[in-house]
């Protein structure tokens, strides 16, 4: 199986160990102690006399100094608790006398005891009487058969003499189906740990697993490429508007799949489709390793729908829908118009309107049309989607500033790339141009225009009626073999991380639910 490798085994093992520790703590605390248990712990053991038995001493005042026999006195605070899963009744104790347990203080003599109980446990006090077995003699303190519900406790403050502070304290006795056992407890002078022992164990398990994974990554050498990777060379041409996406997709694919080399050289949708068709028709040993990007479908007759068998030159181009591209009209930042209606836009490109004042501006400013050449897919989308199939007027200026053809009704220039269009619109007062949406998101000197009151937006590309948008296609000559670099690149572009790249550049991937509604409607 492909996933069975050292890294995955260690990762799964680390998760399993950490999960087992976490679940084991919960299970042990709730399921294992399904029996009677009485725990005890010393919460305080301190000297109150002149000599604490350890070579030190203390200062006394008041009754501590006046009472007889206080020279070697000490006190111990002993907590007795039901930490099992079941209640303990008086009849559950197994001792043969009145008392249920015996506390022994090694080397010290008991002189008195005071009893306190927890909140809500006042009824327990009736059991702490000599008649119920509460008594002391020598170093022993006998504790009555006190019934304790789960979680209930009481405390014994014992006055002692002689011996050494901190000497051993034990509680003996027994209960049916259970035991009496010591518990750990912090004394008042001890510093509590920042993390509990289970937390430290869990953290250590994670640390060991991460260290092993890091070691494998550093020393494990090159990994085999992921499934679906193909090697070889591939050219990507066509749309300049989609070129930034294609370049990043190519870099991501080559990084994931060593041995592949993808070059992107965009010269316009029409030019790219023509090159693909010519090279495909001339190929004698299979389709060329070439993908052509197009803003919109290939011209009728070029994409036949039956593009031949896999890997062989067929009767036409085979298209794959990649994304929904949103385009926008651009105007120089000084143009005092924010919105154009479709009828006004068509009048501008027909040469009937030559000044911004004629479409709502408050001052006269000549319109300068900055466009793309005939091979541009972005221009083709403008003509099909906004101009009702009409062409832009002929070019009349070489520098986009002066009219070289005096008979032309409007100044219009043609440029090779989208970047050139954007830069020229930002430079020339009164300029009107177009581009795909993402490229203009942070550009200074231009503003996006609304169409019929609708703003260009990627968020609305899947459902609103903004008209200046188109589906981006990737064409191959015939259907490429499944193990070819062409097929691998197209699969990467339409699924998984490729979709993230497409969306980052301002396009809506066809593989998403929103994009599928638009891309599917193109049928």
Protein backbone atom coordinates (compact mmCIF):
# COMPACT_ATOMS: atom_id res chain seq x y z
CA UNK A 1 0.00 0.00 0.00
CA UNK A 2 1.28 3.47 -0.94
CA UNK A 3 0.68 5.02 2.46
CA UNK A 4 2.71 2.44 4.35
CA UNK A 5 6.04 4.20 4.84
CA UNK A 6 8.18 5.15 7.81
CA UNK A 7 6.83 8.70 8.08
CA UNK A 8 3.20 7.64 8.04
CA UNK A 9 3.77 4.76 10.46
CA UNK A 10 5.48 7.06 12.97
CA UNK A 11 2.80 9.74 12.55
CA UNK A 12 -0.02 7.25 13.10
CA UNK A 13 1.89 5.62 15.97
CA UNK A 14 2.42 8.97 17.68
CA UNK A 15 -1.27 9.77 17.40
CA UNK A 16 -2.21 6.31 18.70
CA UNK A 17 0.12 6.53 21.72
CA UNK A 18 -1.03 10.03 22.68
CA UNK A 19 -4.68 9.05 22.21
CA UNK A 20 -4.18 5.91 24.29
CA UNK A 21 -2.65 7.90 27.13
CA UNK A 22 -5.47 10.45 27.09
CA UNK A 23 -8.19 7.79 26.86
CA UNK A 24 -6.43 5.59 29.42
CA UNK A 25 -6.48 8.38 32.00
CA UNK A 26 -10.18 8.90 31.51
CA UNK A 27 -10.93 5.15 31.54
CA UNK A 28 -8.82 4.44 34.63
CA UNK A 29 -10.34 7.28 36.64
CA UNK A 30 -13.90 6.25 35.81
CA UNK A 31 -13.88 2.53 35.17
CA UNK A 32 -11.04 0.84 37.08
CA UNK A 33 -11.80 1.92 40.67
CA UNK A 34 -15.22 0.19 40.69
CA UNK A 35 -14.57 -0.90 44.24
CA UNK A 36 -14.32 0.52 47.75
CA UNK A 37 -11.19 2.50 48.42
CA UNK A 38 -10.19 4.66 51.37
CA UNK A 39 -7.15 6.84 50.89
CA UNK A 40 -5.14 8.83 53.39
CA UNK A 41 -2.54 11.55 53.07
CA UNK A 42 -0.55 13.76 55.43
CA UNK A 43 -1.28 17.38 54.63
CA UNK A 44 0.69 18.95 57.48
CA UNK A 45 3.48 17.72 59.79
CA UNK A 46 5.18 20.45 61.79
CA UNK A 47 6.83 21.07 65.18
CA UNK A 48 5.26 23.39 67.73
CA UNK A 49 7.81 22.74 70.49
CA UNK A 50 11.35 23.97 71.17
CA UNK A 51 12.91 21.01 69.40
CA UNK A 52 11.54 19.68 66.09
CA UNK A 53 13.79 16.64 66.26
CA UNK A 54 15.80 17.69 63.22
CA UNK A 55 18.32 19.93 64.98
CA UNK A 56 16.31 23.10 64.40
CA UNK A 57 13.94 24.98 66.66
CA UNK A 58 11.11 27.49 66.65
CA UNK A 59 9.70 30.35 68.63
CA UNK A 60 6.58 29.95 70.79
CA UNK A 61 4.28 32.49 72.40
CA UNK A 62 1.08 32.34 74.47
CA UNK A 63 -0.53 28.95 75.17
CA UNK A 64 2.08 27.17 73.07
CA UNK A 65 4.68 28.35 75.59
CA UNK A 66 2.61 28.01 78.76
CA UNK A 67 1.13 24.53 78.30
CA UNK A 68 2.99 21.62 79.89
CA UNK A 69 4.75 19.06 77.73
CA UNK A 70 5.11 21.30 74.69
CA UNK A 71 8.89 21.12 74.45
CA UNK A 72 8.84 18.28 71.90
CA UNK A 73 5.30 18.73 70.54
CA UNK A 74 4.30 18.47 66.89
CA UNK A 75 1.02 18.36 64.97
CA UNK A 76 0.00 16.24 61.99
CA UNK A 77 -3.02 16.98 59.77
CA UNK A 78 -4.25 13.68 58.36
CA UNK A 79 -6.91 13.55 55.64
CA UNK A 80 -9.03 10.40 55.22
CA UNK A 81 -11.08 10.21 52.00
CA UNK A 82 -13.27 7.88 49.97
CA UNK A 83 -11.59 7.97 46.54
CA UNK A 84 -13.20 4.81 45.18
CA UNK A 85 -16.27 4.37 43.02
CA UNK A 86 -18.55 3.01 45.78
CA UNK A 87 -19.76 4.29 49.13
CA UNK A 88 -18.34 2.78 52.33
CA UNK A 89 -20.75 1.90 55.13
CA UNK A 90 -19.92 1.15 58.78
CA UNK A 91 -20.43 -2.56 58.07
CA UNK A 92 -17.89 -2.54 55.22
CA UNK A 93 -14.93 -2.19 57.58
CA UNK A 94 -13.19 -5.53 58.30
CA UNK A 95 -11.62 -4.62 61.68
CA UNK A 96 -12.64 -6.84 64.61
CA UNK A 97 -13.17 -3.99 67.13
CA UNK A 98 -15.32 -0.90 67.40
CA UNK A 99 -12.86 1.06 65.33
CA UNK A 100 -12.42 0.67 61.59
CA UNK A 101 -8.83 1.87 61.07
CA UNK A 102 -5.71 2.66 63.09
CA UNK A 103 -3.28 5.54 62.44
CA UNK A 104 0.29 4.96 63.67
CA UNK A 105 2.88 7.72 64.17
CA UNK A 106 6.32 6.10 64.36
CA UNK A 107 8.43 7.27 67.32
CA UNK A 108 5.82 9.80 68.54
CA UNK A 109 3.12 9.68 71.22
CA UNK A 110 -0.43 10.86 70.64
CA UNK A 111 -1.74 13.45 73.14
CA UNK A 112 -4.93 14.71 71.48
CA UNK A 113 -6.98 14.85 68.32
CA UNK A 114 -9.41 17.33 66.72
CA UNK A 115 -11.81 16.26 63.95
CA UNK A 116 -13.18 18.31 61.04
CA UNK A 117 -15.37 17.18 58.14
CA UNK A 118 -15.96 18.48 54.64
CA UNK A 119 -18.79 20.83 53.62
CA UNK A 120 -22.18 19.12 53.77
CA UNK A 121 -20.82 16.21 55.85
CA UNK A 122 -21.74 17.45 59.33
CA UNK A 123 -23.65 14.24 60.10
CA UNK A 124 -20.33 12.39 60.21
CA UNK A 125 -19.38 14.13 63.47
CA UNK A 126 -21.73 11.88 65.46
CA UNK A 127 -19.41 8.93 64.75
CA UNK A 128 -16.33 10.50 66.34
CA UNK A 129 -16.94 9.48 69.96
CA UNK A 130 -15.24 7.01 72.32
CA UNK A 131 -18.41 4.92 72.14
CA UNK A 132 -17.81 4.47 68.41
CA UNK A 133 -14.16 3.58 68.89
CA UNK A 134 -12.36 6.96 68.81
CA UNK A 135 -9.40 6.60 71.18
CA UNK A 136 -5.63 6.89 71.28
CA UNK A 137 -2.88 5.10 73.14
CA UNK A 138 0.86 5.53 72.75
CA UNK A 139 1.68 6.10 69.10
CA UNK A 140 -1.68 4.80 67.82
CA UNK A 141 -4.95 6.56 67.06
CA UNK A 142 -8.00 4.38 66.51
CA UNK A 143 -10.49 5.74 63.98
CA UNK A 144 -14.22 4.79 64.16
CA UNK A 145 -16.16 2.98 61.42
CA UNK A 146 -17.15 6.21 59.67
CA UNK A 147 -19.51 5.74 56.68
CA UNK A 148 -18.25 7.73 53.69
CA UNK A 149 -20.04 8.45 50.46
CA UNK A 150 -17.98 8.63 47.27
CA UNK A 151 -15.74 11.72 47.48
CA UNK A 152 -16.47 12.39 51.18
CA UNK A 153 -13.61 13.01 53.59
CA UNK A 154 -12.69 14.03 57.13
CA UNK A 155 -9.52 15.42 58.68
CA UNK A 156 -7.73 14.59 61.93
CA UNK A 157 -5.48 17.18 63.55
CA UNK A 158 -3.30 15.09 65.88
CA UNK A 159 -1.17 16.52 68.72
CA UNK A 160 2.02 14.50 69.23
CA UNK A 161 5.20 14.56 71.30
CA UNK A 162 8.66 13.08 70.91
CA UNK A 163 10.08 11.57 67.79
CA UNK A 164 10.96 13.44 64.63
CA UNK A 165 8.82 15.67 62.46
CA UNK A 166 8.25 13.93 59.13
CA UNK A 167 8.58 10.42 60.55
CA UNK A 168 6.44 7.72 58.98
CA UNK A 169 2.64 7.92 59.34
CA UNK A 170 0.56 4.90 58.34
CA UNK A 171 -3.13 4.06 58.44
CA UNK A 172 -4.00 0.36 58.62
CA UNK A 173 -7.33 -1.40 58.26
CA UNK A 174 -9.46 -2.85 55.56
CA UNK A 175 -12.80 -2.65 53.77
CA UNK A 176 -14.73 -5.33 51.95
CA UNK A 177 -13.92 -5.56 48.21
CA UNK A 178 -11.37 -2.80 48.55
CA UNK A 179 -8.40 -1.45 50.45
CA UNK A 180 -6.95 1.36 52.55
CA UNK A 181 -4.01 3.00 50.80
CA UNK A 182 -1.79 6.08 50.97
CA UNK A 183 -2.31 8.94 48.53
CA UNK A 184 0.18 11.55 47.38
CA UNK A 185 -0.40 15.06 48.62
CA UNK A 186 1.50 18.31 48.51
CA UNK A 187 2.43 19.71 51.88
CA UNK A 188 2.00 23.47 52.48
CA UNK A 189 5.73 24.05 51.85
CA UNK A 190 5.91 22.13 48.58
CA UNK A 191 5.69 23.86 45.19
CA UNK A 192 3.05 22.29 42.92
CA UNK A 193 4.24 21.11 39.48
CA UNK A 194 3.31 23.25 36.49
CA UNK A 195 2.05 20.18 34.58
CA UNK A 196 0.58 16.95 35.87
CA UNK A 197 2.32 13.62 35.30
CA UNK A 198 -0.19 12.49 32.62
CA UNK A 199 0.31 15.80 30.80
CA UNK A 200 4.08 15.34 30.91
CA UNK A 201 3.78 11.78 29.59
CA UNK A 202 1.54 12.88 26.72
CA UNK A 203 3.86 15.75 25.81
CA UNK A 204 6.85 13.43 25.87
CA UNK A 205 5.10 10.96 23.55
CA UNK A 206 4.38 13.74 21.07
CA UNK A 207 7.96 15.04 21.34
CA UNK A 208 9.45 11.63 20.61
CA UNK A 209 7.16 11.16 17.58
CA UNK A 210 7.92 14.61 16.17
CA UNK A 211 11.65 14.09 16.68
CA UNK A 212 11.51 10.80 14.77
CA UNK A 213 9.57 12.41 11.90
CA UNK A 214 12.01 15.32 11.75
CA UNK A 215 14.93 12.91 11.63
CA UNK A 216 13.39 11.02 8.74
CA UNK A 217 12.74 14.24 6.83
CA UNK A 218 16.31 15.46 7.31
CA UNK A 219 18.09 12.18 6.64
CA UNK A 220 15.61 10.26 4.52
CA UNK A 221 16.81 11.61 1.16
CA UNK A 222 14.51 12.28 -1.76
CA UNK A 223 10.94 11.06 -1.60
CA UNK A 224 9.26 9.38 -4.52
CA UNK A 225 6.94 11.71 -6.42
CA UNK A 226 3.21 11.60 -5.53
CA UNK A 227 0.85 9.43 -7.54
CA UNK A 228 -0.23 11.09 -10.79
CA UNK A 229 3.09 12.83 -11.42
CA UNK A 230 4.47 12.72 -14.94
CA UNK A 231 7.90 13.68 -16.20
CA UNK A 232 9.05 15.30 -19.42
CA UNK A 233 8.56 18.70 -21.07
CA UNK A 234 5.37 20.68 -21.62
CA UNK A 235 4.68 24.07 -23.21
CA UNK A 236 1.77 26.27 -22.15
CA UNK A 237 0.72 29.09 -24.44
CA UNK A 238 -2.35 31.21 -25.18
CA UNK A 239 -4.15 33.71 -22.96
CA UNK A 240 -2.04 36.49 -21.45
CA UNK A 241 -4.82 37.22 -18.96
CA UNK A 242 -4.48 33.72 -17.48
CA UNK A 243 -0.68 33.57 -17.83
CA UNK A 244 0.08 34.52 -14.17
CA UNK A 245 -2.11 31.62 -13.02
CA UNK A 246 -0.45 29.23 -15.47
CA UNK A 247 3.02 30.26 -14.30
CA UNK A 248 2.24 29.61 -10.66
CA UNK A 249 0.50 26.33 -11.48
CA UNK A 250 3.58 25.26 -13.44
CA UNK A 251 5.93 26.11 -10.56
CA UNK A 252 3.75 24.24 -8.04
CA UNK A 253 3.50 21.18 -10.28
CA UNK A 254 7.25 21.04 -10.96
CA UNK A 255 7.99 21.35 -7.25
CA UNK A 256 5.64 18.47 -6.48
CA UNK A 257 6.77 16.34 -9.44
CA UNK A 258 10.55 16.33 -9.97
CA UNK A 259 11.55 15.54 -13.52
CA UNK A 260 8.81 17.66 -15.09
CA UNK A 261 9.58 20.89 -16.95
CA UNK A 262 6.75 23.28 -17.86
CA UNK A 263 7.34 26.56 -19.70
CA UNK A 264 4.71 29.28 -20.09
CA UNK A 265 4.85 31.62 -23.09
CA UNK A 266 1.55 33.46 -23.55
CA UNK A 267 0.89 35.34 -26.81
CA UNK A 268 -2.91 35.61 -26.82
CA UNK A 269 -5.74 33.09 -27.00
CA UNK A 270 -6.15 33.07 -30.78
CA UNK A 271 -2.43 32.77 -31.44
CA UNK A 272 -2.13 29.91 -28.95
CA UNK A 273 -5.06 27.97 -30.43
CA UNK A 274 -3.72 28.44 -33.96
CA UNK A 275 -0.28 27.18 -32.94
CA UNK A 276 -1.78 24.14 -31.22
CA UNK A 277 -3.93 23.28 -34.24
CA UNK A 278 -1.01 23.64 -36.67
CA UNK A 279 1.44 21.63 -34.60
CA UNK A 280 -1.15 18.96 -33.87
CA UNK A 281 -2.04 18.54 -37.52
CA UNK A 282 1.63 18.26 -38.48
CA UNK A 283 2.47 15.73 -35.76
CA UNK A 284 3.09 12.20 -37.00
CA UNK A 285 4.00 10.43 -33.77
CA UNK A 286 1.26 11.63 -31.40
CA UNK A 287 -0.14 14.94 -30.20
CA UNK A 288 2.37 17.69 -29.27
CA UNK A 289 3.15 18.35 -25.59
CA UNK A 290 1.39 21.69 -25.79
CA UNK A 291 -1.51 23.24 -23.85
CA UNK A 292 -3.21 26.37 -25.18
CA UNK A 293 -5.16 28.60 -22.78
CA UNK A 294 -8.14 30.49 -24.17
CA UNK A 295 -10.47 33.16 -22.81
CA UNK A 296 -13.64 31.43 -23.96
CA UNK A 297 -14.23 28.46 -26.28
CA UNK A 298 -12.23 27.86 -29.42
CA UNK A 299 -13.76 29.18 -32.66
CA UNK A 300 -16.49 27.03 -34.12
CA UNK A 301 -15.06 24.24 -36.25
CA UNK A 302 -11.74 24.16 -34.44
CA UNK A 303 -13.07 22.20 -31.45
CA UNK A 304 -14.91 19.30 -33.06
CA UNK A 305 -16.06 17.52 -29.93
CA UNK A 306 -14.37 14.34 -31.17
CA UNK A 307 -10.72 15.17 -30.82
CA UNK A 308 -9.37 11.78 -31.74
CA UNK A 309 -8.10 8.92 -29.67
CA UNK A 310 -5.99 9.38 -26.56
CA UNK A 311 -2.48 10.48 -27.44
CA UNK A 312 -3.09 10.63 -31.19
CA UNK A 313 -3.67 13.62 -33.44
CA UNK A 314 -7.39 13.76 -34.03
CA UNK A 315 -9.81 15.92 -35.90
CA UNK A 316 -9.64 18.94 -33.60
CA UNK A 317 -8.93 20.45 -30.20
CA UNK A 318 -10.11 19.02 -26.88
CA UNK A 319 -11.02 21.59 -24.25
CA UNK A 320 -11.02 21.45 -20.43
CA UNK A 321 -12.87 24.12 -18.47
CA UNK A 322 -10.55 25.57 -15.83
CA UNK A 323 -12.18 28.62 -14.28
CA UNK A 324 -14.56 31.53 -14.57
CA UNK A 325 -12.58 34.69 -15.34
CA UNK A 326 -14.10 38.06 -14.49
CA UNK A 327 -13.01 40.98 -16.66
CA UNK A 328 -13.38 44.69 -16.03
CA UNK A 329 -13.45 47.98 -17.91
CA UNK A 330 -10.64 50.33 -16.84
CA UNK A 331 -10.56 54.11 -16.96
CA UNK A 332 -7.88 56.65 -16.13
CA UNK A 333 -8.31 57.76 -12.52
CA UNK A 334 -9.27 61.32 -13.61
CA UNK A 335 -12.24 60.15 -15.71
CA UNK A 336 -15.32 61.50 -13.86
CA UNK A 337 -17.54 58.50 -14.73
CA UNK A 338 -18.08 55.49 -12.49
CA UNK A 339 -20.66 53.50 -14.45
CA UNK A 340 -21.47 52.79 -18.09
CA UNK A 341 -24.61 51.30 -19.54
CA UNK A 342 -24.24 48.69 -22.27
CA UNK A 343 -25.91 50.97 -24.87
CA UNK A 344 -23.47 53.80 -24.03
CA UNK A 345 -20.49 51.42 -24.14
CA UNK A 346 -21.54 50.18 -27.58
CA UNK A 347 -21.91 53.73 -28.82
CA UNK A 348 -18.38 54.52 -27.61
CA UNK A 349 -16.85 51.53 -29.43
CA UNK A 350 -18.92 52.33 -32.53
CA UNK A 351 -17.30 55.79 -32.62
CA UNK A 352 -20.60 57.56 -31.99
CA UNK A 353 -19.48 58.91 -28.59
CA UNK A 354 -16.02 60.48 -28.39
CA UNK A 355 -16.18 62.56 -25.18
CA UNK A 356 -16.88 61.50 -21.61
CA UNK A 357 -19.33 64.41 -21.24
CA UNK A 358 -21.69 62.59 -23.62
CA UNK A 359 -22.04 59.70 -21.12
CA UNK A 360 -22.56 61.69 -17.94
CA UNK A 361 -19.26 63.45 -17.13
CA UNK A 362 -19.50 66.97 -15.76
CA UNK A 363 -16.73 68.25 -18.03
CA UNK A 364 -15.32 67.65 -21.49
CA UNK A 365 -12.62 64.97 -21.75
CA UNK A 366 -11.85 63.12 -25.01
CA UNK A 367 -12.14 59.33 -24.89
CA UNK A 368 -9.03 57.33 -25.81
CA UNK A 369 -9.60 53.63 -26.45
CA UNK A 370 -6.72 51.37 -25.37
CA UNK A 371 -7.20 47.85 -26.68
CA UNK A 372 -5.58 44.57 -27.64
CA UNK A 373 -4.78 43.03 -31.01
CA UNK A 374 -7.04 40.65 -32.89
CA UNK A 375 -5.37 37.59 -31.30
CA UNK A 376 -6.41 38.60 -27.80
CA UNK A 377 -8.99 36.45 -26.03
CA UNK A 378 -9.77 39.32 -23.65
CA UNK A 379 -10.68 41.51 -26.63
CA UNK A 380 -12.76 38.68 -28.09
CA UNK A 381 -14.71 38.39 -24.80
CA UNK A 382 -15.36 42.15 -24.87
CA UNK A 383 -16.74 41.93 -28.42
CA UNK A 384 -18.88 38.85 -27.76
CA UNK A 385 -20.15 39.68 -24.26
CA UNK A 386 -20.48 43.47 -24.32
CA UNK A 387 -20.48 44.72 -27.94
CA UNK A 388 -23.03 42.22 -29.20
CA UNK A 389 -20.51 40.74 -31.63
CA UNK A 390 -19.36 44.06 -33.11
CA UNK A 391 -15.64 44.67 -33.56
CA UNK A 392 -13.66 47.45 -31.96
CA UNK A 393 -12.91 50.34 -34.34
CA UNK A 394 -9.60 50.17 -36.28
CA UNK A 395 -6.44 51.40 -34.60
CA UNK A 396 -5.84 55.11 -35.28
CA UNK A 397 -2.85 55.85 -33.02
CA UNK A 398 0.58 54.32 -32.46
CA UNK A 399 1.37 56.06 -29.14
CA UNK A 400 -2.18 56.07 -27.68
CA UNK A 401 -2.00 59.85 -27.34
CA UNK A 402 -2.22 61.37 -30.85
CA UNK A 403 -4.51 60.44 -33.72
CA UNK A 404 -2.40 59.23 -36.64
CA UNK A 405 -5.44 58.75 -38.88
CA UNK A 406 -7.20 62.12 -39.11
CA UNK A 407 -10.32 60.50 -40.57
CA UNK A 408 -10.83 58.24 -37.54
CA UNK A 409 -13.65 59.26 -35.22
CA UNK A 410 -11.84 58.24 -32.04
CA UNK A 411 -8.28 57.70 -30.85
CA UNK A 412 -7.64 53.96 -30.46
CA UNK A 413 -4.38 52.05 -30.05
CA UNK A 414 -3.57 48.34 -29.84
CA UNK A 415 -1.10 46.74 -27.43
CA UNK A 416 0.33 43.25 -27.07
CA UNK A 417 -0.33 42.38 -23.43
CA UNK A 418 -2.76 43.06 -20.61
CA UNK A 419 0.00 44.67 -18.53
CA UNK A 420 0.69 47.15 -21.33
CA UNK A 421 -3.02 48.05 -21.49
CA UNK A 422 -3.19 48.72 -17.76
CA UNK A 423 -0.03 50.83 -17.72
CA UNK A 424 -1.21 52.89 -20.71
CA UNK A 425 -4.68 53.54 -19.24
CA UNK A 426 -2.96 54.79 -16.06
CA UNK A 427 -0.76 57.12 -18.16
CA UNK A 428 -3.20 58.60 -20.69
CA UNK A 429 -5.93 61.02 -19.47
CA UNK A 430 -9.39 60.02 -20.68
CA UNK A 431 -8.24 56.47 -21.50
CA UNK A 432 -10.66 53.50 -21.49
CA UNK A 433 -9.38 49.92 -21.61
CA UNK A 434 -10.06 46.42 -20.28
CA UNK A 435 -8.34 43.55 -18.50
CA UNK A 436 -9.03 40.54 -16.31
CA UNK A 437 -10.08 41.54 -12.81
CA UNK A 438 -7.23 40.41 -10.55
CA UNK A 439 -4.46 42.23 -12.37
CA UNK A 440 -5.97 45.61 -11.51
CA UNK A 441 -6.65 44.98 -7.82
CA UNK A 442 -3.70 47.03 -6.53
CA UNK A 443 -2.75 49.14 -9.57
CA UNK A 444 -2.48 52.90 -9.14
CA UNK A 445 -3.77 55.38 -11.68
CA UNK A 446 -6.80 53.43 -12.91
CA UNK A 447 -10.31 52.70 -11.66
CA UNK A 448 -12.75 49.92 -12.48
CA UNK A 449 -16.06 50.90 -14.05
CA UNK A 450 -19.41 49.31 -13.27
CA UNK A 451 -21.67 48.01 -16.04
CA UNK A 452 -25.38 48.79 -15.74
CA UNK A 453 -24.76 49.41 -12.03
CA UNK A 454 -23.05 46.06 -11.43
CA UNK A 455 -19.49 46.06 -10.14
CA UNK A 456 -16.96 43.45 -11.32
CA UNK A 457 -16.51 40.95 -8.49
CA UNK A 458 -15.22 37.41 -8.08
CA UNK A 459 -17.66 36.83 -5.21
CA UNK A 460 -20.62 37.36 -7.51
CA UNK A 461 -19.19 35.49 -10.49
CA UNK A 462 -21.15 32.34 -9.69
CA UNK A 463 -24.62 33.85 -9.51
CA UNK A 464 -25.01 37.53 -10.50
CA UNK A 465 -25.67 38.98 -13.95
CA UNK A 466 -22.41 40.91 -14.41
CA UNK A 467 -21.86 40.39 -18.17
CA UNK A 468 -18.11 40.81 -18.66
CA UNK A 469 -16.96 37.32 -17.68
CA UNK A 470 -15.94 34.18 -19.51
CA UNK A 471 -14.86 30.61 -18.96
CA UNK A 472 -11.14 29.94 -19.22
CA UNK A 473 -10.36 26.83 -21.27
CA UNK A 474 -7.24 24.71 -21.58
CA UNK A 475 -6.95 22.99 -24.98
CA UNK A 476 -4.90 20.01 -26.09
CA UNK A 477 -4.73 18.38 -29.50
CA UNK A 478 -6.74 15.26 -28.91
CA UNK A 479 -7.25 13.79 -25.46
CA UNK A 480 -3.80 13.25 -23.92
CA UNK A 481 -2.93 9.86 -22.38
CA UNK A 482 -3.70 9.63 -18.67
CA UNK A 483 -0.01 9.20 -17.82
CA UNK A 484 1.17 12.17 -19.90
CA UNK A 485 2.45 15.45 -18.51
CA UNK A 486 -0.37 17.29 -20.30
CA UNK A 487 -3.01 15.20 -18.50
CA UNK A 488 -1.19 15.52 -15.18
CA UNK A 489 -0.93 19.29 -15.47
CA UNK A 490 -4.61 19.68 -16.36
CA UNK A 491 -5.64 17.41 -13.47
CA UNK A 492 -3.50 19.46 -11.09
CA UNK A 493 -5.03 22.72 -12.36
CA UNK A 494 -8.60 21.54 -11.84
CA UNK A 495 -8.30 19.75 -8.49
CA UNK A 496 -6.81 20.15 -5.02
CA UNK A 497 -4.02 22.73 -4.59
CA UNK A 498 -4.38 23.88 -8.19
CA UNK A 499 -7.81 25.28 -7.38
CA UNK A 500 -6.28 27.34 -4.57
CA UNK A 501 -3.79 28.85 -7.03
CA UNK A 502 -6.59 29.70 -9.48
CA UNK A 503 -8.69 31.38 -6.78
CA UNK A 504 -5.71 33.33 -5.41
CA UNK A 505 -5.34 35.07 -8.78
CA UNK A 506 -8.98 36.16 -8.80
CA UNK A 507 -10.61 33.41 -10.86
CA UNK A 508 -13.42 31.07 -9.80
CA UNK A 509 -12.36 27.41 -10.28
CA UNK A 510 -14.82 25.35 -12.31
CA UNK A 511 -14.33 22.47 -9.87
CA UNK A 512 -16.01 24.37 -7.01
CA UNK A 513 -19.81 24.26 -6.50
CA UNK A 514 -20.10 27.97 -7.43
CA UNK A 515 -17.90 27.62 -10.50
CA UNK A 516 -19.64 24.44 -11.59
CA UNK A 517 -22.95 26.31 -11.95
CA UNK A 518 -21.41 28.73 -14.44
CA UNK A 519 -19.04 26.31 -16.20
CA UNK A 520 -21.77 23.69 -16.56
CA UNK A 521 -24.18 26.24 -17.98
CA UNK A 522 -21.74 26.78 -20.85
CA UNK A 523 -22.92 23.50 -22.35
